[in-house]
Amino acid sequence: MTYVRQSVRNAFTTLLGTTGIKVFESRVHPLTKDDMPCFIVKSGSQLVEPAVKSRMQPALQKRWIETEVYCFARATDNVEDALDKLSAIVENKVFGDPTLGSIAAETILQDTQSFIGGEPSFPVGACRMSFMSLVLTKEGSPETPIRN
């Protein structure tokens, strides 16, 4: 079975894969000019807490799973505009299905950060979007989301 964090990451990758823009999961290799524009999807932190105060076993758990979506674009002018367009695409896709195909109870956008750098001949902009998805599981069953 697939751990719920991986299921959430896969759901983001699948949603963004329908945009026609390249999507990479947890990429560690440097990007090239031909790779951009693109999205990189990776897992972030995970907070696990009991859903209710109970001594029943197995206990119901709330898992707040962070998924980071990185938008990369290159442009000689208005790289921030290109990042804003990519960010809008991500938000529209994610909030078109905030349950991620019934894996999560909800998904929220936590924060967004933009970065611009590179060289004059290869200016690159990046935007990191942090999403938090609430997934319910039973204690001892981290592969099985409790579906909505």
Protein backbone atom coordinates (compact mmCIF):
# COMPACT_ATOMS: atom_id res chain seq x y z
CA MET A 1 0.00 0.00 0.00
CA THR A 2 0.99 3.62 -0.49
CA TYR A 3 1.67 5.86 2.50
CA VAL A 4 -0.88 8.71 2.60
CA ARG A 5 1.85 11.35 2.17
CA GLN A 6 2.80 9.70 -1.13
CA SER A 7 -0.87 9.50 -2.13
CA VAL A 8 -1.24 13.25 -1.56
CA ARG A 9 1.95 13.99 -3.52
CA ASN A 10 0.78 11.75 -6.37
CA ALA A 11 -2.60 13.50 -6.42
CA PHE A 12 -0.89 16.90 -6.80
CA THR A 13 1.30 15.52 -9.59
CA THR A 14 -1.73 14.09 -11.39
CA LEU A 15 -3.73 17.33 -11.07
CA LEU A 16 -0.85 19.46 -12.36
CA GLY A 17 -0.10 16.95 -15.12
CA THR A 18 -3.35 17.95 -16.81
CA THR A 19 -2.08 21.51 -17.41
CA GLY A 20 0.26 20.70 -20.31
CA ILE A 21 3.20 22.01 -18.26
CA LYS A 22 6.00 19.61 -17.26
CA VAL A 23 5.71 18.19 -13.74
CA PHE A 24 8.53 16.54 -11.81
CA GLU A 25 8.25 14.79 -8.44
CA SER A 26 11.00 15.51 -5.93
CA ARG A 27 13.51 16.36 -8.66
CA VAL A 28 17.14 16.58 -7.55
CA HIS A 29 18.78 17.14 -10.94
CA PRO A 30 19.35 20.72 -12.16
CA LEU A 31 16.74 22.16 -14.48
CA THR A 32 17.65 23.11 -18.03
CA LYS A 33 16.19 25.80 -20.29
CA ASP A 34 14.17 23.10 -22.03
CA ASP A 35 12.59 22.00 -18.72
CA MET A 36 10.91 25.36 -18.14
CA PRO A 37 8.26 26.31 -17.43
CA CYS A 38 7.67 23.45 -15.02
CA PHE A 39 6.38 22.39 -11.65
CA ILE A 40 8.23 20.35 -9.04
CA VAL A 41 6.08 18.62 -6.42
CA LYS A 42 7.57 17.40 -3.13
CA SER A 43 6.40 16.45 0.32
CA GLY A 44 7.07 18.78 3.21
CA SER A 45 6.28 18.36 6.88
CA GLN A 46 3.53 16.30 8.45
CA LEU A 47 1.74 17.03 11.73
CA VAL A 48 -0.17 14.13 13.29
CA GLU A 49 -2.63 14.64 16.12
CA PRO A 50 -5.54 12.71 17.59
CA ALA A 51 -8.85 13.62 15.99
CA VAL A 52 -10.67 13.13 19.30
CA LYS A 53 -9.49 12.64 22.85
CA SER A 54 -10.16 8.95 23.36
CA ARG A 55 -8.55 5.83 24.70
CA MET A 56 -10.15 3.75 21.97
CA GLN A 57 -7.69 1.86 19.81
CA PRO A 58 -7.02 2.38 17.03
CA ALA A 59 -7.51 6.09 17.48
CA LEU A 60 -8.65 8.37 14.69
CA GLN A 61 -5.81 10.67 13.56
CA LYS A 62 -5.68 14.00 11.79
CA ARG A 63 -2.68 14.27 9.49
CA TRP A 64 -1.84 17.72 8.18
CA ILE A 65 0.39 16.89 5.22
CA GLU A 66 2.38 19.67 3.58
CA THR A 67 2.95 19.51 -0.15
CA GLU A 68 5.31 22.01 -1.74
CA VAL A 69 4.77 22.98 -5.35
CA TYR A 70 7.64 24.85 -6.98
CA CYS A 71 6.89 26.83 -10.13
CA PHE A 72 9.88 27.58 -12.36
CA ALA A 73 9.90 30.00 -15.28
CA ARG A 74 12.50 31.83 -17.28
CA ALA A 75 11.92 35.13 -19.00
CA THR A 76 14.04 38.11 -19.87
CA ASP A 77 11.17 40.47 -18.99
CA ASN A 78 8.41 40.13 -16.43
CA VAL A 79 9.52 36.86 -14.86
CA GLU A 80 7.25 37.70 -11.92
CA ASP A 81 4.27 37.83 -14.28
CA ALA A 82 5.20 34.37 -15.57
CA LEU A 83 5.37 33.06 -11.99
CA ASP A 84 2.00 34.61 -11.17
CA LYS A 85 0.44 32.86 -14.17
CA LEU A 86 1.91 29.52 -13.07
CA SER A 87 0.76 30.11 -9.48
CA ALA A 88 -2.78 30.82 -10.69
CA ILE A 89 -2.75 27.57 -12.68
CA VAL A 90 -1.71 25.63 -9.57
CA GLU A 91 -4.36 27.24 -7.36
CA ASN A 92 -7.11 26.70 -9.92
CA LYS A 93 -6.21 23.01 -10.30
CA VAL A 94 -5.83 22.29 -6.58
CA PHE A 95 -8.96 24.14 -5.52
CA GLY A 96 -10.91 22.57 -8.36
CA ASP A 97 -10.54 19.37 -6.29
CA PRO A 98 -9.45 20.28 -2.72
CA THR A 99 -10.13 16.70 -1.56
CA LEU A 100 -7.53 15.43 -4.05
CA GLY A 101 -9.85 12.73 -5.31
CA SER A 102 -11.32 12.04 -1.84
CA ILE A 103 -7.92 11.45 -0.19
CA ALA A 104 -8.09 14.63 1.91
CA ALA A 105 -10.89 16.22 3.89
CA GLU A 106 -9.61 19.61 2.73
CA THR A 107 -6.58 21.37 1.28
CA ILE A 108 -5.52 24.94 2.05
CA LEU A 109 -2.81 27.21 0.68
CA GLN A 110 -0.51 28.04 3.57
CA ASP A 111 1.96 30.45 1.96
CA THR A 112 3.75 31.46 -1.23
CA GLN A 113 7.32 32.72 -1.68
CA SER A 114 8.98 33.94 -4.88
CA PHE A 115 12.64 34.01 -5.84
CA ILE A 116 14.37 35.53 -8.86
CA GLY A 117 17.94 34.78 -9.86
CA GLY A 118 20.12 33.18 -12.45
CA GLU A 119 22.38 34.90 -14.94
CA PRO A 120 21.52 37.71 -17.36
CA SER A 121 21.50 35.23 -20.24
CA PHE A 122 19.40 32.75 -18.23
CA PRO A 123 17.12 34.59 -15.75
CA VAL A 124 15.06 32.21 -13.69
CA GLY A 125 12.15 32.77 -11.37
CA ALA A 126 10.89 30.31 -8.81
CA CYS A 127 7.82 30.30 -6.65
CA ARG A 128 7.29 27.94 -3.71
CA MET A 129 3.67 27.28 -2.79
CA SER A 130 3.00 25.42 0.45
CA PHE A 131 -0.30 23.53 0.70
CA MET A 132 -1.63 21.72 3.77
CA SER A 133 -3.98 18.77 3.24
CA LEU A 134 -5.97 17.28 6.10
CA VAL A 135 -6.06 13.49 5.82
CA LEU A 136 -7.84 11.31 8.36
CA THR A 137 -6.43 7.88 9.18
CA LYS A 138 -6.64 5.34 11.95
CA GLU A 139 -3.62 4.91 14.18
CA GLY A 140 -1.43 2.15 12.78
CA SER A 141 -2.88 2.51 9.26
CA PRO A 142 -0.87 5.31 7.61
CA GLU A 143 -1.60 3.88 4.16
CA THR A 144 -5.39 4.11 4.37
CA PRO A 145 -7.13 7.48 4.28
CA ILE A 146 -10.62 7.57 5.71
CA ARG A 147 -12.56 8.71 2.66
CA ASN A 148 -15.03 11.54 2.74
